[in-house]
Every structure is written in C-alpha cells, then in structure tokens.
Amino acid sequence: MLTTFDMDGVKIGLGICSDLFFSEMATLYRKFGCDMMIYMTAYPKLLGEMFTDMLTKTRAADNQMFVMTVSQARMNDRMGDMIYGHSSIVDGYGKVLKRLNDREDMLYMNIDLTDMEKYRMMIKLMDHKRTDMYDLVYKK
C-alpha cells in the first residue's frame, strides 16, 4: 500500500530499504503528486556501501523529486557494527544535499520546491514517458 503524508505543503511518500532497488514505487508516488520520498533503511554495511548512494541519487533524478534515506546508526546492541547508516537527502537533480556518517546524529534541512518546479518545467521527464507503450498501475 502506498502511504503518503503532508508536511508544510510537501506531499511525502514512504518506502522501506528494499523498495529503493525498484523504480516503480517512486514513479507511482511521483505520479500521485509526491515531491519527496523517504526510505527507512537498514542495509548491511557491504550492501549499503555498494548501492545506497547510487540508488538514492537515481530514484531522485529519474523522478525529479527529493529522496531521503533514514537509517539507524551502525552501533546498536542488536546489530553491532553491521548497519551502514549514512542517512541522506538528495535533490531531484541527483545531488546529495546532506549525508550523515555512520554514527548517531540528526539530519534536517529546509527544502525549496520552487527550484524543483522550474527544473520540472525545463526538463519534462514525466511528460515524455511512453504511456502508450508502458504504464504503471497501482493495485490496492
């Protein structure tokens, strides 16, 4: 089920770490008007190092939306040193705006949708999707 909420006029969609590997969910959220995705992640260190940055940038750029990953810090009683951490926020250009390290910290920032809207008007990715050949369908 797709879950969204509104925060200060920004429609936000939620996903979990494995959803980051598949573009379809983020594309559906964008199709339904989300300007940001938040993925809760808990990747093992090796998997996180290999894929988190690349996938976060890709989901942001291919949907022209902000993408945030929220991860627990590496040091915890259950997992010890095995969780990747590195919560981040990426803009719709695929640029990392902020990234934490693998220790406990807080990530916050104000985002400006004005620039993102200008970018979407300049490069109309959603308008160029070939829905005559393929389309995503949301199944409840």
Protein backbone atom coordinates (compact mmCIF):
# COMPACT_ATOMS: atom_id res chain seq x y z
CA MET A 1 0.00 0.00 0.00
CA LEU A 2 1.29 3.47 -0.83
CA THR A 3 1.49 5.69 2.23
CA THR A 4 1.71 9.48 1.96
CA PHE A 5 1.53 12.40 4.32
CA ASP A 6 1.73 16.16 4.01
CA MET A 7 4.28 18.28 5.86
CA ASP A 8 4.20 22.04 5.38
CA GLY A 9 2.66 21.69 1.92
CA VAL A 10 5.05 18.97 0.75
CA LYS A 11 3.47 15.63 -0.16
CA ILE A 12 5.78 12.84 1.01
CA GLY A 13 5.73 9.13 0.19
CA LEU A 14 7.17 6.36 2.35
CA GLY A 15 9.12 3.25 1.45
CA ILE A 16 11.48 0.76 3.02
CA CYS A 17 15.03 -0.12 2.07
CA SER A 18 14.25 -2.87 -0.44
CA ASP A 19 11.86 -0.51 -2.28
CA LEU A 20 14.85 1.66 -3.15
CA PHE A 21 16.07 -1.06 -5.53
CA PHE A 22 12.94 -0.81 -7.70
CA SER A 23 11.98 2.36 -9.55
CA GLU A 24 8.28 1.61 -9.91
CA MET A 25 7.20 2.64 -6.42
CA ALA A 26 8.95 6.02 -6.56
CA THR A 27 7.48 6.62 -10.01
CA LEU A 28 3.96 5.90 -8.74
CA TYR A 29 4.46 8.26 -5.82
CA ARG A 30 5.63 10.97 -8.23
CA LYS A 31 2.66 10.24 -10.50
CA PHE A 32 0.40 10.79 -7.46
CA GLY A 33 1.96 14.19 -6.73
CA CYS A 34 4.67 13.47 -4.18
CA ASP A 35 7.61 15.86 -4.09
CA MET A 36 9.67 13.73 -1.73
CA MET A 37 10.26 10.09 -0.84
CA ILE A 38 11.54 8.88 2.49
CA TYR A 39 13.02 5.40 2.67
CA MET A 40 13.69 3.81 6.04
CA THR A 41 16.84 1.76 5.54
CA ALA A 42 18.80 -0.83 7.49
CA TYR A 43 21.30 -2.18 4.98
CA PRO A 44 24.18 -4.40 5.97
CA LYS A 45 27.43 -2.45 5.64
CA LEU A 46 28.61 -4.05 2.38
CA LEU A 47 25.24 -3.69 0.61
CA GLY A 48 24.87 -0.12 1.85
CA GLU A 49 28.31 0.86 0.60
CA MET A 50 27.64 -0.70 -2.79
CA PHE A 51 24.18 0.66 -3.51
CA THR A 52 22.69 3.27 -1.17
CA ASP A 53 24.21 6.41 -2.70
CA MET A 54 23.73 5.25 -6.28
CA LEU A 55 20.10 4.18 -5.79
CA THR A 56 19.14 7.27 -3.79
CA LYS A 57 20.56 9.57 -6.48
CA THR A 58 18.90 7.53 -9.23
CA ARG A 59 15.42 7.49 -7.63
CA ALA A 60 15.70 11.27 -7.09
CA ALA A 61 16.88 12.06 -10.62
CA ASP A 62 14.57 9.73 -12.53
CA ASN A 63 11.53 11.17 -10.73
CA GLN A 64 12.69 14.77 -10.26
CA MET A 65 11.93 14.61 -6.55
CA PHE A 66 13.72 14.84 -3.24
CA VAL A 67 14.71 11.49 -1.76
CA MET A 68 15.70 10.98 1.84
CA THR A 69 17.12 7.84 3.40
CA VAL A 70 16.79 7.42 7.14
CA SER A 71 18.96 4.79 8.74
CA GLN A 72 19.85 3.74 12.21
CA ALA A 73 23.42 4.39 13.30
CA ARG A 74 25.81 1.48 12.99
CA MET A 75 26.43 0.99 16.66
CA ASN A 76 23.47 -0.68 18.30
CA ASP A 77 23.01 -3.61 20.64
CA ARG A 78 21.42 -6.00 18.12
CA MET A 79 23.50 -5.44 15.01
CA GLY A 80 26.76 -4.15 16.41
CA ASP A 81 28.91 -2.76 13.64
CA MET A 82 26.96 -4.22 10.72
CA ILE A 83 24.47 -1.48 9.72
CA TYR A 84 25.54 1.01 7.04
CA GLY A 85 23.95 4.18 8.46
CA HIS A 86 24.65 7.29 6.34
CA SER A 87 21.18 8.89 6.28
CA SER A 88 20.99 11.40 3.42
CA ILE A 89 18.87 13.80 1.43
CA VAL A 90 19.21 14.13 -2.34
CA ASP A 91 17.52 16.67 -4.60
CA GLY A 92 15.75 15.97 -7.89
CA TYR A 93 18.93 16.60 -9.85
CA GLY A 94 20.55 13.67 -8.05
CA LYS A 95 22.79 15.94 -5.96
CA VAL A 96 23.49 14.89 -2.37
CA LEU A 97 22.50 17.86 -0.22
CA LYS A 98 23.43 16.34 3.14
CA ARG A 99 24.75 13.00 4.31
CA LEU A 100 25.49 11.79 7.79
CA ASN A 101 28.18 9.33 8.71
CA ASP A 102 27.53 6.02 10.41
CA ARG A 103 27.20 7.41 13.94
CA GLU A 104 24.11 8.70 15.73
CA ASP A 105 23.17 12.19 14.53
CA MET A 106 20.20 14.18 13.20
CA LEU A 107 19.61 15.21 9.62
CA TYR A 108 17.35 18.15 8.92
CA MET A 109 17.14 20.92 6.37
CA ASN A 110 14.67 23.17 4.63
CA ILE A 111 13.93 22.26 1.04
CA ASP A 112 12.82 24.65 -1.68
CA LEU A 113 10.31 23.26 -4.15
CA THR A 114 10.44 26.40 -6.31
CA ASP A 115 13.72 25.40 -7.94
CA MET A 116 12.48 21.83 -8.41
CA GLU A 117 9.32 23.09 -10.15
CA LYS A 118 11.43 25.23 -12.51
CA TYR A 119 13.58 22.20 -13.29
CA ARG A 120 10.50 20.06 -13.96
CA MET A 121 9.16 22.72 -16.34
CA MET A 122 12.51 22.89 -18.14
CA ILE A 123 13.02 19.14 -18.43
CA LYS A 124 9.61 17.49 -18.58
CA LEU A 125 10.51 13.90 -17.82
CA MET A 126 7.02 12.88 -16.75
CA ASP A 127 5.51 14.27 -19.97
CA HIS A 128 7.93 12.19 -22.05
CA LYS A 129 7.03 8.83 -20.54
CA ARG A 130 5.71 6.50 -23.23
CA THR A 131 2.45 5.52 -21.55
CA ASP A 132 1.21 4.44 -24.98
CA MET A 133 3.76 1.61 -24.74
CA TYR A 134 4.04 1.05 -20.98
CA ASP A 135 2.46 2.40 -17.83
CA LEU A 136 2.41 1.75 -14.12
CA VAL A 137 -0.81 0.67 -12.49
CA TYR A 138 -1.41 0.97 -8.77
CA LYS A 139 -3.01 -2.15 -7.28
CA LYS A 140 -4.56 -1.86 -3.83
